[in-house]
PDB file of N, CA and C in Angstrom:
ATOM      1  N   MET A   1       5.670 -22.083  16.520  1.00  0.00           N
ATOM      2  CA  MET A   1       5.611 -22.004  15.073  1.00  0.00           C
ATOM      3  C   MET A   1       5.684 -20.528  14.665  1.00  0.00           C
ATOM      4  N   PRO A   2       6.626 -20.141  13.802  1.00  0.00           N
ATOM      5  CA  PRO A   2       6.735 -18.742  13.402  1.00  0.00           C
ATOM      6  C   PRO A   2       5.540 -18.295  12.572  1.00  0.00           C
ATOM      7  N   ARG A   3       5.190 -17.038  12.704  1.00  0.00           N
ATOM      8  CA  ARG A   3       4.068 -16.483  11.950  1.00  0.00           C
ATOM      9  C   ARG A   3       4.504 -16.150  10.533  1.00  0.00           C
ATOM     10  N   SER A   4       3.581 -16.296   9.623  1.00  0.00           N
ATOM     11  CA  SER A   4       3.823 -15.942   8.229  1.00  0.00           C
ATOM     12  C   SER A   4       3.850 -14.432   8.077  1.00  0.00           C
ATOM     13  N   ALA A   5       4.602 -13.938   7.100  1.00  0.00           N
ATOM     14  CA  ALA A   5       4.642 -12.504   6.815  1.00  0.00           C
ATOM     15  C   ALA A   5       3.264 -11.983   6.443  1.00  0.00           C
ATOM     16  N   VAL A   6       2.389 -12.865   5.993  1.00  0.00           N
ATOM     17  CA  VAL A   6       1.037 -12.464   5.612  1.00  0.00           C
ATOM     18  C   VAL A   6       0.277 -11.913   6.816  1.00  0.00           C
ATOM     19  N   ASP A   7       0.658 -12.290   8.013  1.00  0.00           N
ATOM     20  CA  ASP A   7      -0.019 -11.803   9.207  1.00  0.00           C
ATOM     21  C   ASP A   7       0.228 -10.322   9.477  1.00  0.00           C
ATOM     22  N   PHE A   8       1.210  -9.731   8.833  1.00  0.00           N
ATOM     23  CA  PHE A   8       1.588  -8.362   9.151  1.00  0.00           C
ATOM     24  C   PHE A   8       1.069  -7.404   8.099  1.00  0.00           C
ATOM     25  N   TYR A   9      -0.192  -7.065   8.223  1.00  0.00           N
ATOM     26  CA  TYR A   9      -0.834  -6.120   7.316  1.00  0.00           C
ATOM     27  C   TYR A   9      -0.703  -4.711   7.862  1.00  0.00           C
ATOM     28  N   PHE A  10      -0.885  -3.744   6.963  1.00  0.00           N
ATOM     29  CA  PHE A  10      -1.024  -2.365   7.418  1.00  0.00           C
ATOM     30  C   PHE A  10      -2.432  -2.173   7.957  1.00  0.00           C
ATOM     31  N   ASP A  11      -2.851  -0.969   8.113  1.00  0.00           N
ATOM     32  CA  ASP A  11      -4.043  -0.611   8.868  1.00  0.00           C
ATOM     33  C   ASP A  11      -5.365  -0.984   8.206  1.00  0.00           C
ATOM     34  N   GLY A  12      -5.403  -1.461   6.996  1.00  0.00           N
ATOM     35  CA  GLY A  12      -6.655  -1.878   6.370  1.00  0.00           C
ATOM     36  C   GLY A  12      -6.997  -1.042   5.153  1.00  0.00           C
ATOM     37  N   PRO A  13      -8.022  -1.446   4.421  1.00  0.00           N
ATOM     38  CA  PRO A  13      -8.318  -0.818   3.134  1.00  0.00           C
ATOM     39  C   PRO A  13      -9.009   0.528   3.212  1.00  0.00           C
ATOM     40  N   VAL A  14      -9.247   1.074   4.384  1.00  0.00           N
ATOM     41  CA  VAL A  14      -9.927   2.366   4.463  1.00  0.00           C
ATOM     42  C   VAL A  14      -9.001   3.476   4.946  1.00  0.00           C
ATOM     43  N   SER A  15      -7.731   3.222   4.991  1.00  0.00           N
ATOM     44  CA  SER A  15      -6.780   4.200   5.492  1.00  0.00           C
ATOM     45  C   SER A  15      -5.927   4.737   4.348  1.00  0.00           C
ATOM     46  N   TYR A  16      -5.660   6.013   4.339  1.00  0.00           N
ATOM     47  CA  TYR A  16      -4.822   6.585   3.283  1.00  0.00           C
ATOM     48  C   TYR A  16      -3.344   6.359   3.511  1.00  0.00           C
ATOM     49  N   ARG A  17      -2.908   6.224   4.722  1.00  0.00           N
ATOM     50  CA  ARG A  17      -1.496   6.043   5.018  1.00  0.00           C
ATOM     51  C   ARG A  17      -1.304   4.787   5.860  1.00  0.00           C
ATOM     52  N   PRO A  18      -0.236   4.019   5.552  1.00  0.00           N
ATOM     53  CA  PRO A  18       0.059   2.883   6.423  1.00  0.00           C
ATOM     54  C   PRO A  18       0.296   3.365   7.849  1.00  0.00           C
ATOM     55  N   ILE A  19      -0.009   2.518   8.810  1.00  0.00           N
ATOM     56  CA  ILE A  19       0.154   2.896  10.211  1.00  0.00           C
ATOM     57  C   ILE A  19       1.588   3.325  10.488  1.00  0.00           C
ATOM     58  N   THR A  20       2.548   2.728   9.815  1.00  0.00           N
ATOM     59  CA  THR A  20       3.944   3.071  10.042  1.00  0.00           C
ATOM     60  C   THR A  20       4.235   4.502   9.628  1.00  0.00           C
ATOM     61  N   GLN A  21       3.609   4.982   8.578  1.00  0.00           N
ATOM     62  CA  GLN A  21       3.852   6.351   8.146  1.00  0.00           C
ATOM     63  C   GLN A  21       3.137   7.348   9.048  1.00  0.00           C
ATOM     64  N   ARG A  22       2.057   6.951   9.672  1.00  0.00           N
ATOM     65  CA  ARG A  22       1.333   7.866  10.553  1.00  0.00           C
ATOM     66  C   ARG A  22       2.014   8.000  11.902  1.00  0.00           C
ATOM     67  N   THR A  23       2.600   6.928  12.393  1.00  0.00           N
ATOM     68  CA  THR A  23       3.113   6.962  13.755  1.00  0.00           C
ATOM     69  C   THR A  23       4.626   6.918  13.832  1.00  0.00           C
ATOM     70  N   GLY A  24       5.310   6.638  12.734  1.00  0.00           N
ATOM     71  CA  GLY A  24       6.765   6.584  12.749  1.00  0.00           C
ATOM     72  C   GLY A  24       7.323   5.467  13.608  1.00  0.00           C
ATOM     73  N   ILE A  25       6.648   4.342  13.673  1.00  0.00           N
ATOM     74  CA  ILE A  25       7.095   3.248  14.531  1.00  0.00           C
ATOM     75  C   ILE A  25       8.308   2.552  13.932  1.00  0.00           C
ATOM     76  N   SER A  26       9.032   1.865  14.786  1.00  0.00           N
ATOM     77  CA  SER A  26      10.029   0.905  14.330  1.00  0.00           C
ATOM     78  C   SER A  26       9.597  -0.429  14.924  1.00  0.00           C
ATOM     79  N   GLY A  27      10.056  -1.499  14.320  1.00  0.00           N
ATOM     80  CA  GLY A  27       9.608  -2.814  14.762  1.00  0.00           C
ATOM     81  C   GLY A  27       8.172  -3.057  14.354  1.00  0.00           C
ATOM     82  N   TYR A  28       7.439  -3.770  15.188  1.00  0.00           N
ATOM     83  CA  TYR A  28       6.036  -4.090  14.932  1.00  0.00           C
ATOM     84  C   TYR A  28       5.146  -3.371  15.943  1.00  0.00           C
ATOM     85  N   ALA A  29       3.928  -3.051  15.526  1.00  0.00           N
ATOM     86  CA  ALA A  29       2.950  -2.447  16.440  1.00  0.00           C
ATOM     87  C   ALA A  29       1.556  -2.854  15.985  1.00  0.00           C
ATOM     88  N   PRO A  30       0.647  -3.103  16.936  1.00  0.00           N
ATOM     89  CA  PRO A  30      -0.725  -3.438  16.539  1.00  0.00           C
ATOM     90  C   PRO A  30      -1.376  -2.255  15.834  1.00  0.00           C
ATOM     91  N   ASN A  31      -2.239  -2.550  14.868  1.00  0.00           N
ATOM     92  CA  ASN A  31      -2.921  -1.459  14.170  1.00  0.00           C
ATOM     93  C   ASN A  31      -4.035  -0.905  15.046  1.00  0.00           C
ATOM     94  N   LEU A  32      -4.646   0.165  14.573  1.00  0.00           N
ATOM     95  CA  LEU A  32      -5.662   0.853  15.372  1.00  0.00           C
ATOM     96  C   LEU A  32      -6.881  -0.016  15.647  1.00  0.00           C
ATOM     97  N   ARG A  33      -7.216  -0.914  14.716  1.00  0.00           N
ATOM     98  CA  ARG A  33      -8.384  -1.785  14.903  1.00  0.00           C
ATOM     99  C   ARG A  33      -8.061  -3.029  15.709  1.00  0.00           C
ATOM    100  N   GLY A  34      -6.778  -3.296  15.932  1.00  0.00           N
ATOM    101  CA  GLY A  34      -6.382  -4.472  16.677  1.00  0.00           C
ATOM    102  C   GLY A  34      -6.490  -5.764  15.891  1.00  0.00           C
ATOM    103  N   ALA A  35      -6.675  -5.664  14.568  1.00  0.00           N
ATOM    104  CA  ALA A  35      -6.877  -6.858  13.748  1.00  0.00           C
ATOM    105  C   ALA A  35      -5.577  -7.390  13.158  1.00  0.00           C
ATOM    106  N   SER A  36      -4.527  -6.599  13.161  1.00  0.00           N
ATOM    107  CA  SER A  36      -3.275  -7.006  12.530  1.00  0.00           C
ATOM    108  C   SER A  36      -2.156  -6.125  13.064  1.00  0.00           C
ATOM    109  N   TYR A  37      -1.007  -6.197  12.417  1.00  0.00           N
ATOM    110  CA  TYR A  37       0.155  -5.440  12.865  1.00  0.00           C
ATOM    111  C   TYR A  37       0.694  -4.574  11.742  1.00  0.00           C
ATOM    112  N   GLY A  38       1.200  -3.426  12.105  1.00  0.00           N
ATOM    113  CA  GLY A  38       1.962  -2.600  11.180  1.00  0.00           C
ATOM    114  C   GLY A  38       3.437  -2.837  11.451  1.00  0.00           C
ATOM    115  N   PHE A  39       4.275  -2.367  10.559  1.00  0.00           N
ATOM    116  CA  PHE A  39       5.705  -2.533  10.765  1.00  0.00           C
ATOM    117  C   PHE A  39       6.438  -1.323  10.223  1.00  0.00           C
ATOM    118  N   GLY A  40       7.614  -1.092  10.782  1.00  0.00           N
ATOM    119  CA  GLY A  40       8.420   0.056  10.411  1.00  0.00           C
ATOM    120  C   GLY A  40       9.378  -0.254   9.272  1.00  0.00           C
ATOM    121  N   GLU A  41      10.063   0.796   8.813  1.00  0.00           N
ATOM    122  CA  GLU A  41      11.035   0.633   7.731  1.00  0.00           C
ATOM    123  C   GLU A  41      12.128  -0.352   8.105  1.00  0.00           C
ATOM    124  N   ASP A  42      12.515  -0.385   9.375  1.00  0.00           N
ATOM    125  CA  ASP A  42      13.570  -1.301   9.801  1.00  0.00           C
ATOM    126  C   ASP A  42      13.182  -2.753   9.539  1.00  0.00           C
ATOM    127  N   VAL A  43      11.949  -3.114   9.839  1.00  0.00           N
ATOM    128  CA  VAL A  43      11.472  -4.483   9.605  1.00  0.00           C
ATOM    129  C   VAL A  43      11.416  -4.772   8.110  1.00  0.00           C
ATOM    130  N   LEU A  44      10.942  -3.808   7.330  1.00  0.00           N
ATOM    131  CA  LEU A  44      10.889  -3.978   5.880  1.00  0.00           C
ATOM    132  C   LEU A  44      12.282  -4.236   5.315  1.00  0.00           C
ATOM    133  N   MET A  45      13.261  -3.430   5.700  1.00  0.00           N
ATOM    134  CA  MET A  45      14.629  -3.587   5.191  1.00  0.00           C
ATOM    135  C   MET A  45      15.208  -4.943   5.590  1.00  0.00           C
ATOM    136  N   GLN A  46      15.041  -5.328   6.853  1.00  0.00           N
ATOM    137  CA  GLN A  46      15.552  -6.621   7.319  1.00  0.00           C
ATOM    138  C   GLN A  46      14.918  -7.775   6.549  1.00  0.00           C
ATOM    139  N   THR A  47      13.616  -7.690   6.324  1.00  0.00           N
ATOM    140  CA  THR A  47      12.903  -8.759   5.623  1.00  0.00           C
ATOM    141  C   THR A  47      13.343  -8.846   4.171  1.00  0.00           C
ATOM    142  N   CYS A  48      13.447  -7.716   3.487  1.00  0.00           N
ATOM    143  CA  CYS A  48      13.913  -7.726   2.090  1.00  0.00           C
ATOM    144  C   CYS A  48      15.316  -8.308   1.995  1.00  0.00           C
ATOM    145  N   ASN A  49      16.199  -7.899   2.894  1.00  0.00           N
ATOM    146  CA  ASN A  49      17.571  -8.408   2.874  1.00  0.00           C
ATOM    147  C   ASN A  49      17.613  -9.902   3.159  1.00  0.00           C
ATOM    148  N   ARG A  50      16.841 -10.350   4.143  1.00  0.00           N
ATOM    149  CA  ARG A  50      16.820 -11.777   4.492  1.00  0.00           C
ATOM    150  C   ARG A  50      16.287 -12.629   3.342  1.00  0.00           C
ATOM    151  N   LEU A  51      15.258 -12.130   2.641  1.00  0.00           N
ATOM    152  CA  LEU A  51      14.660 -12.879   1.535  1.00  0.00           C
ATOM    153  C   LEU A  51      15.391 -12.673   0.208  1.00  0.00           C
ATOM    154  N   GLY A  52      16.293 -11.703   0.163  1.00  0.00           N
ATOM    155  CA  GLY A  52      17.027 -11.431  -1.073  1.00  0.00           C
ATOM    156  C   GLY A  52      16.159 -10.804  -2.150  1.00  0.00           C
ATOM    157  N   VAL A  53      15.205  -9.958  -1.748  1.00  0.00           N
ATOM    158  CA  VAL A  53      14.335  -9.284  -2.715  1.00  0.00           C
ATOM    159  C   VAL A  53      14.588  -7.780  -2.666  1.00  0.00           C
ATOM    160  N   ASP A  54      14.331  -7.123  -3.787  1.00  0.00           N
ATOM    161  CA  ASP A  54      14.522  -5.676  -3.865  1.00  0.00           C
ATOM    162  C   ASP A  54      13.291  -4.904  -3.429  1.00  0.00           C
ATOM    163  N   MET A  55      12.114  -5.498  -3.627  1.00  0.00           N
ATOM    164  CA  MET A  55      10.880  -4.769  -3.374  1.00  0.00           C
ATOM    165  C   MET A  55       9.761  -5.730  -3.002  1.00  0.00           C
ATOM    166  N   VAL A  56       8.835  -5.221  -2.195  1.00  0.00           N
ATOM    167  CA  VAL A  56       7.604  -5.931  -1.868  1.00  0.00           C
ATOM    168  C   VAL A  56       6.460  -5.143  -2.496  1.00  0.00           C
ATOM    169  N   ALA A  57       5.593  -5.820  -3.228  1.00  0.00           N
ATOM    170  CA  ALA A  57       4.399  -5.191  -3.793  1.00  0.00           C
ATOM    171  C   ALA A  57       3.197  -5.699  -3.017  1.00  0.00           C
ATOM    172  N   ARG A  58       2.328  -4.783  -2.642  1.00  0.00           N
ATOM    173  CA  ARG A  58       1.139  -5.146  -1.873  1.00  0.00           C
ATOM    174  C   ARG A  58      -0.052  -4.383  -2.417  1.00  0.00           C
ATOM    175  N   ALA A  59      -1.239  -4.785  -1.995  1.00  0.00           N
ATOM    176  CA  ALA A  59      -2.469  -4.162  -2.490  1.00  0.00           C
ATOM    177  C   ALA A  59      -3.507  -4.143  -1.378  1.00  0.00           C
ATOM    178  N   HIS A  60      -4.735  -3.867  -1.735  1.00  0.00           N
ATOM    179  CA  HIS A  60      -5.904  -3.887  -0.858  1.00  0.00           C
ATOM    180  C   HIS A  60      -5.836  -2.818   0.227  1.00  0.00           C
ATOM    181  N   GLN A  61      -5.329  -1.658  -0.140  1.00  0.00           N
ATOM    182  CA  GLN A  61      -5.381  -0.495   0.739  1.00  0.00           C
ATOM    183  C   GLN A  61      -5.469   0.736  -0.147  1.00  0.00           C
ATOM    184  N   VAL A  62      -6.452   1.582   0.101  1.00  0.00           N
ATOM    185  CA  VAL A  62      -6.628   2.786  -0.705  1.00  0.00           C
ATOM    186  C   VAL A  62      -5.408   3.686  -0.563  1.00  0.00           C
ATOM    187  N   VAL A  63      -4.860   4.097  -1.701  1.00  0.00           N
ATOM    188  CA  VAL A  63      -3.841   5.143  -1.729  1.00  0.00           C
ATOM    189  C   VAL A  63      -4.303   6.191  -2.737  1.00  0.00           C
ATOM    190  N   GLN A  64      -4.106   7.441  -2.430  1.00  0.00           N
ATOM    191  CA  GLN A  64      -4.691   8.546  -3.178  1.00  0.00           C
ATOM    192  C   GLN A  64      -4.337   8.536  -4.664  1.00  0.00           C
ATOM    193  N   ASP A  65      -3.086   8.284  -4.988  1.00  0.00           N
ATOM    194  CA  ASP A  65      -2.623   8.395  -6.373  1.00  0.00           C
ATOM    195  C   ASP A  65      -2.552   7.062  -7.109  1.00  0.00           C
ATOM    196  N   GLY A  66      -3.173   6.026  -6.573  1.00  0.00           N
ATOM    197  CA  GLY A  66      -3.188   4.723  -7.221  1.00  0.00           C
ATOM    198  C   GLY A  66      -2.045   3.819  -6.795  1.00  0.00           C
ATOM    199  N   TYR A  67      -0.898   4.415  -6.506  1.00  0.00           N
ATOM    200  CA  TYR A  67       0.229   3.658  -5.958  1.00  0.00           C
ATOM    201  C   TYR A  67       1.023   4.573  -5.043  1.00  0.00           C
ATOM    202  N   GLU A  68       1.731   3.959  -4.106  1.00  0.00           N
ATOM    203  CA  GLU A  68       2.491   4.745  -3.132  1.00  0.00           C
ATOM    204  C   GLU A  68       3.657   3.912  -2.629  1.00  0.00           C
ATOM    205  N   PHE A  69       4.828   4.532  -2.572  1.00  0.00           N
ATOM    206  CA  PHE A  69       6.026   3.857  -2.075  1.00  0.00           C
ATOM    207  C   PHE A  69       6.197   4.097  -0.577  1.00  0.00           C
ATOM    208  N   PHE A  70       6.915   3.185   0.047  1.00  0.00           N
ATOM    209  CA  PHE A  70       7.242   3.270   1.471  1.00  0.00           C
ATOM    210  C   PHE A  70       8.626   2.667   1.653  1.00  0.00           C
ATOM    211  N   GLY A  71       9.343   3.138   2.644  1.00  0.00           N
ATOM    212  CA  GLY A  71      10.615   2.519   3.000  1.00  0.00           C
ATOM    213  C   GLY A  71      11.662   2.611   1.916  1.00  0.00           C
ATOM    214  N   ASN A  72      11.943   3.838   1.461  1.00  0.00           N
ATOM    215  CA  ASN A  72      12.975   4.054   0.442  1.00  0.00           C
ATOM    216  C   ASN A  72      12.692   3.252  -0.827  1.00  0.00           C
ATOM    217  N   ARG A  73      11.408   3.193  -1.202  1.00  0.00           N
ATOM    218  CA  ARG A  73      10.930   2.517  -2.413  1.00  0.00           C
ATOM    219  C   ARG A  73      11.123   0.996  -2.367  1.00  0.00           C
ATOM    220  N   ARG A  74      11.223   0.439  -1.167  1.00  0.00           N
ATOM    221  CA  ARG A  74      11.347  -1.016  -1.043  1.00  0.00           C
ATOM    222  C   ARG A  74       9.983  -1.692  -0.942  1.00  0.00           C
ATOM    223  N   LEU A  75       8.919  -0.908  -0.708  1.00  0.00           N
ATOM    224  CA  LEU A  75       7.565  -1.438  -0.656  1.00  0.00           C
ATOM    225  C   LEU A  75       6.671  -0.507  -1.461  1.00  0.00           C
ATOM    226  N   VAL A  76       5.810  -1.102  -2.276  1.00  0.00           N
ATOM    227  CA  VAL A  76       4.847  -0.300  -3.029  1.00  0.00           C
ATOM    228  C   VAL A  76       3.451  -0.860  -2.784  1.00  0.00           C
ATOM    229  N   THR A  77       2.513   0.040  -2.534  1.00  0.00           N
ATOM    230  CA  THR A  77       1.103  -0.315  -2.436  1.00  0.00           C
ATOM    231  C   THR A  77       0.446   0.096  -3.740  1.00  0.00           C
ATOM    232  N   VAL A  78      -0.227  -0.836  -4.386  1.00  0.00           N
ATOM    233  CA  VAL A  78      -0.926  -0.571  -5.644  1.00  0.00           C
ATOM    234  C   VAL A  78      -2.410  -0.802  -5.394  1.00  0.00           C
ATOM    235  N   PHE A  79      -3.235   0.166  -5.803  1.00  0.00           N
ATOM    236  CA  PHE A  79      -4.679   0.049  -5.606  1.00  0.00           C
ATOM    237  C   PHE A  79      -5.357   0.325  -6.933  1.00  0.00           C
ATOM    238  N   SER A  80      -6.178  -0.602  -7.406  1.00  0.00           N
ATOM    239  CA  SER A  80      -6.701  -0.526  -8.775  1.00  0.00           C
ATOM    240  C   SER A  80      -8.181  -0.174  -8.873  1.00  0.00           C
ATOM    241  N   ALA A  81      -8.782   0.299  -7.789  1.00  0.00           N
ATOM    242  CA  ALA A  81     -10.205   0.656  -7.817  1.00  0.00           C
ATOM    243  C   ALA A  81     -10.358   2.169  -7.665  1.00  0.00           C
ATOM    244  N   PRO A  82     -10.642   2.881  -8.770  1.00  0.00           N
ATOM    245  CA  PRO A  82     -10.801   4.333  -8.653  1.00  0.00           C
ATOM    246  C   PRO A  82     -12.097   4.687  -7.932  1.00  0.00           C
ATOM    247  N   HIS A  83     -12.064   5.817  -7.240  1.00  0.00           N
ATOM    248  CA  HIS A  83     -13.253   6.315  -6.529  1.00  0.00           C
ATOM    249  C   HIS A  83     -13.844   5.190  -5.672  1.00  0.00           C
ATOM    250  N   TYR A  84     -12.994   4.585  -4.848  1.00  0.00           N
ATOM    251  CA  TYR A  84     -13.319   3.379  -4.094  1.00  0.00           C
ATOM    252  C   TYR A  84     -14.607   3.529  -3.285  1.00  0.00           C
ATOM    253  N   CYS A  85     -15.536   2.627  -3.527  1.00  0.00           N
ATOM    254  CA  CYS A  85     -16.832   2.555  -2.833  1.00  0.00           C
ATOM    255  C   CYS A  85     -17.614   3.858  -2.896  1.00  0.00           C
ATOM    256  N   GLY A  86     -17.275   4.730  -3.833  1.00  0.00           N
ATOM    257  CA  GLY A  86     -17.957   6.010  -3.930  1.00  0.00           C
ATOM    258  C   GLY A  86     -17.637   6.954  -2.786  1.00  0.00           C
ATOM    259  N   GLN A  87     -16.670   6.583  -1.946  1.00  0.00           N
ATOM    260  CA  GLN A  87     -16.342   7.374  -0.761  1.00  0.00           C
ATOM    261  C   GLN A  87     -14.996   8.077  -0.849  1.00  0.00           C
ATOM    262  N   PHE A  88     -14.132   7.634  -1.751  1.00  0.00           N
ATOM    263  CA  PHE A  88     -12.790   8.199  -1.849  1.00  0.00           C
ATOM    264  C   PHE A  88     -12.602   8.812  -3.230  1.00  0.00           C
ATOM    265  N   ASP A  89     -11.797   9.834  -3.306  1.00  0.00           N
ATOM    266  CA  ASP A  89     -11.492  10.474  -4.584  1.00  0.00           C
ATOM    267  C   ASP A  89     -10.108  10.019  -5.048  1.00  0.00           C
ATOM    268  N   ASN A  90      -9.892   8.714  -5.038  1.00  0.00           N
ATOM    269  CA  ASN A  90      -8.584   8.162  -5.354  1.00  0.00           C
ATOM    270  C   ASN A  90      -8.477   7.742  -6.813  1.00  0.00           C
ATOM    271  N   ALA A  91      -7.257   7.741  -7.306  1.00  0.00           N
ATOM    272  CA  ALA A  91      -6.959   7.215  -8.638  1.00  0.00           C
ATOM    273  C   ALA A  91      -6.739   5.707  -8.525  1.00  0.00           C
ATOM    274  N   ALA A  92      -6.696   5.049  -9.679  1.00  0.00           N
ATOM    275  CA  ALA A  92      -6.374   3.621  -9.746  1.00  0.00           C
ATOM    276  C   ALA A  92      -5.030   3.472 -10.444  1.00  0.00           C
ATOM    277  N   ALA A  93      -4.328   2.391 -10.172  1.00  0.00           N
ATOM    278  CA  ALA A  93      -3.042   2.162 -10.825  1.00  0.00           C
ATOM    279  C   ALA A  93      -2.881   0.695 -11.196  1.00  0.00           C
ATOM    280  N   ILE A  94      -2.090   0.490 -12.230  1.00  0.00           N
ATOM    281  CA  ILE A  94      -1.669  -0.844 -12.661  1.00  0.00           C
ATOM    282  C   ILE A  94      -0.149  -0.817 -12.677  1.00  0.00           C
ATOM    283  N   MET A  95       0.472  -1.814 -12.067  1.00  0.00           N
ATOM    284  CA  MET A  95       1.930  -1.893 -12.048  1.00  0.00           C
ATOM    285  C   MET A  95       2.384  -2.898 -13.091  1.00  0.00           C
ATOM    286  N   TYR A  96       3.312  -2.474 -13.935  1.00  0.00           N
ATOM    287  CA  TYR A  96       3.905  -3.342 -14.947  1.00  0.00           C
ATOM    288  C   TYR A  96       5.341  -3.639 -14.538  1.00  0.00           C
ATOM    289  N   VAL A  97       5.753  -4.887 -14.699  1.00  0.00           N
ATOM    290  CA  VAL A  97       7.124  -5.292 -14.416  1.00  0.00           C
ATOM    291  C   VAL A  97       7.669  -5.917 -15.689  1.00  0.00           C
ATOM    292  N   ASP A  98       8.746  -5.333 -16.244  1.00  0.00           N
ATOM    293  CA  ASP A  98       9.274  -5.859 -17.505  1.00  0.00           C
ATOM    294  C   ASP A  98      10.247  -7.017 -17.253  1.00  0.00           C
ATOM    295  N   ASP A  99      10.824  -7.549 -18.323  1.00  0.00           N
ATOM    296  CA  ASP A  99      11.713  -8.711 -18.222  1.00  0.00           C
ATOM    297  C   ASP A  99      12.962  -8.432 -17.391  1.00  0.00           C
ATOM    298  N   ASP A 100      13.345  -7.157 -17.287  1.00  0.00           N
ATOM    299  CA  ASP A 100      14.509  -6.770 -16.485  1.00  0.00           C
ATOM    300  C   ASP A 100      14.117  -6.357 -15.070  1.00  0.00           C
ATOM    301  N   LEU A 101      12.873  -6.620 -14.701  1.00  0.00           N
ATOM    302  CA  LEU A 101      12.313  -6.302 -13.388  1.00  0.00           C
ATOM    303  C   LEU A 101      12.226  -4.802 -13.115  1.00  0.00           C
ATOM    304  N   VAL A 102      12.116  -4.019 -14.177  1.00  0.00           N
ATOM    305  CA  VAL A 102      11.891  -2.581 -14.041  1.00  0.00           C
ATOM    306  C   VAL A 102      10.386  -2.359 -13.938  1.00  0.00           C
ATOM    307  N   CYS A 103       9.983  -1.618 -12.927  1.00  0.00           N
ATOM    308  CA  CYS A 103       8.559  -1.381 -12.676  1.00  0.00           C
ATOM    309  C   CYS A 103       8.123  -0.040 -13.244  1.00  0.00           C
ATOM    310  N   SER A 104       6.930  -0.030 -13.811  1.00  0.00           N
ATOM    311  CA  SER A 104       6.314   1.217 -14.258  1.00  0.00           C
ATOM    312  C   SER A 104       4.832   1.146 -13.902  1.00  0.00           C
ATOM    313  N   PHE A 105       4.190   2.298 -13.928  1.00  0.00           N
ATOM    314  CA  PHE A 105       2.803   2.379 -13.479  1.00  0.00           C
ATOM    315  C   PHE A 105       1.956   3.112 -14.497  1.00  0.00           C
ATOM    316  N   GLN A 106       0.743   2.653 -14.648  1.00  0.00           N
ATOM    317  CA  GLN A 106      -0.263   3.368 -15.427  1.00  0.00           C
ATOM    318  C   GLN A 106      -1.339   3.782 -14.432  1.00  0.00           C
ATOM    319  N   VAL A 107      -1.640   5.077 -14.407  1.00  0.00           N
ATOM    320  CA  VAL A 107      -2.601   5.614 -13.447  1.00  0.00           C
ATOM    321  C   VAL A 107      -3.862   6.018 -14.187  1.00  0.00           C
ATOM    322  N   ARG A 108      -4.994   5.669 -13.621  1.00  0.00           N
ATOM    323  CA  ARG A 108      -6.298   6.026 -14.187  1.00  0.00           C
ATOM    324  C   ARG A 108      -7.066   6.846 -13.162  1.00  0.00           C
ATOM    325  N   ILE A 109      -7.671   7.923 -13.633  1.00  0.00           N
ATOM    326  CA  ILE A 109      -8.487   8.780 -12.776  1.00  0.00           C
ATOM    327  C   ILE A 109      -9.912   8.737 -13.288  1.00  0.00           C
ATOM    328  N   LEU A 110     -10.844   8.483 -12.401  1.00  0.00           N
ATOM    329  CA  LEU A 110     -12.255   8.438 -12.759  1.00  0.00           C
ATOM    330  C   LEU A 110     -12.835   9.836 -12.593  1.00  0.00           C
ATOM    331  N   HIS A 111     -13.401  10.367 -13.661  1.00  0.00           N
ATOM    332  CA  HIS A 111     -14.055  11.669 -13.600  1.00  0.00           C
ATOM    333  C   HIS A 111     -15.551  11.436 -13.481  1.00  0.00           C
ATOM    334  N   LEU A 112     -16.126  11.938 -12.442  1.00  0.00           N
ATOM    335  CA  LEU A 112     -17.558  11.767 -12.218  1.00  0.00           C
ATOM    336  C   LEU A 112     -18.305  12.974 -12.770  1.00  0.00           C
ATOM    337  N   PHE A 113     -19.346  12.701 -13.505  1.00  0.00           N
ATOM    338  CA  PHE A 113     -20.168  13.763 -14.069  1.00  0.00           C
ATOM    339  C   PHE A 113     -21.495  13.785 -13.333  1.00  0.00           C
ATOM    340  N   ARG A 114     -21.929  14.958 -12.970  1.00  0.00           N
ATOM    341  CA  ARG A 114     -23.231  15.101 -12.314  1.00  0.00           C
ATOM    342  C   ARG A 114     -24.234  15.605 -13.340  1.00  0.00           C
ATOM    343  N   LEU A 115     -25.358  14.950 -13.413  1.00  0.00           N
ATOM    344  CA  LEU A 115     -26.395  15.358 -14.352  1.00  0.00           C
ATOM    345  C   LEU A 115     -27.197  16.540 -13.831  1.00  0.00           C
ATOM    346  N   PHE A 116     -27.290  16.638 -12.523  1.00  0.00           N
ATOM    347  CA  PHE A 116     -28.088  17.702 -11.922  1.00  0.00           C
ATOM    348  C   PHE A 116     -27.231  18.449 -10.909  1.00  0.00           C
ATOM    349  N   PRO A 117     -27.377  19.749 -10.847  1.00  0.00           N
ATOM    350  CA  PRO A 117     -26.622  20.492  -9.825  1.00  0.00           C
ATOM    351  C   PRO A 117     -27.085  20.092  -8.432  1.00  0.00           C
ATOM    352  N   LEU A 118     -26.151  20.118  -7.512  1.00  0.00           N
ATOM    353  CA  LEU A 118     -26.493  19.782  -6.113  1.00  0.00           C
ATOM    354  C   LEU A 118     -27.039  20.982  -5.385  1.00  0.00           C
TER     355      LEU A 118
END
């Protein structure tokens, strides 16, 4: 039985870069935690072409600027939780897709105020 594309996640929600961007892999490779697989641009392009889609949108991984493209803009990661878990200094983003399938992004940055000097 073939595996669903859902089985092929990037490195998880605590990584700033997909495993493919860190290691430059092609094809599939297990992630650092051994819980899933990363994939290279070649797999992304083949999958988009086979499915007849222009882009894959994904979430649940921290990216510094709220959204980040991969694979010649064929994959976008959108993350909507600013200052994730109080551990990251990341922005949040919302992706809008209009009737002509044109994508745009709204980015939000959380500014933290300290009441007392450290």
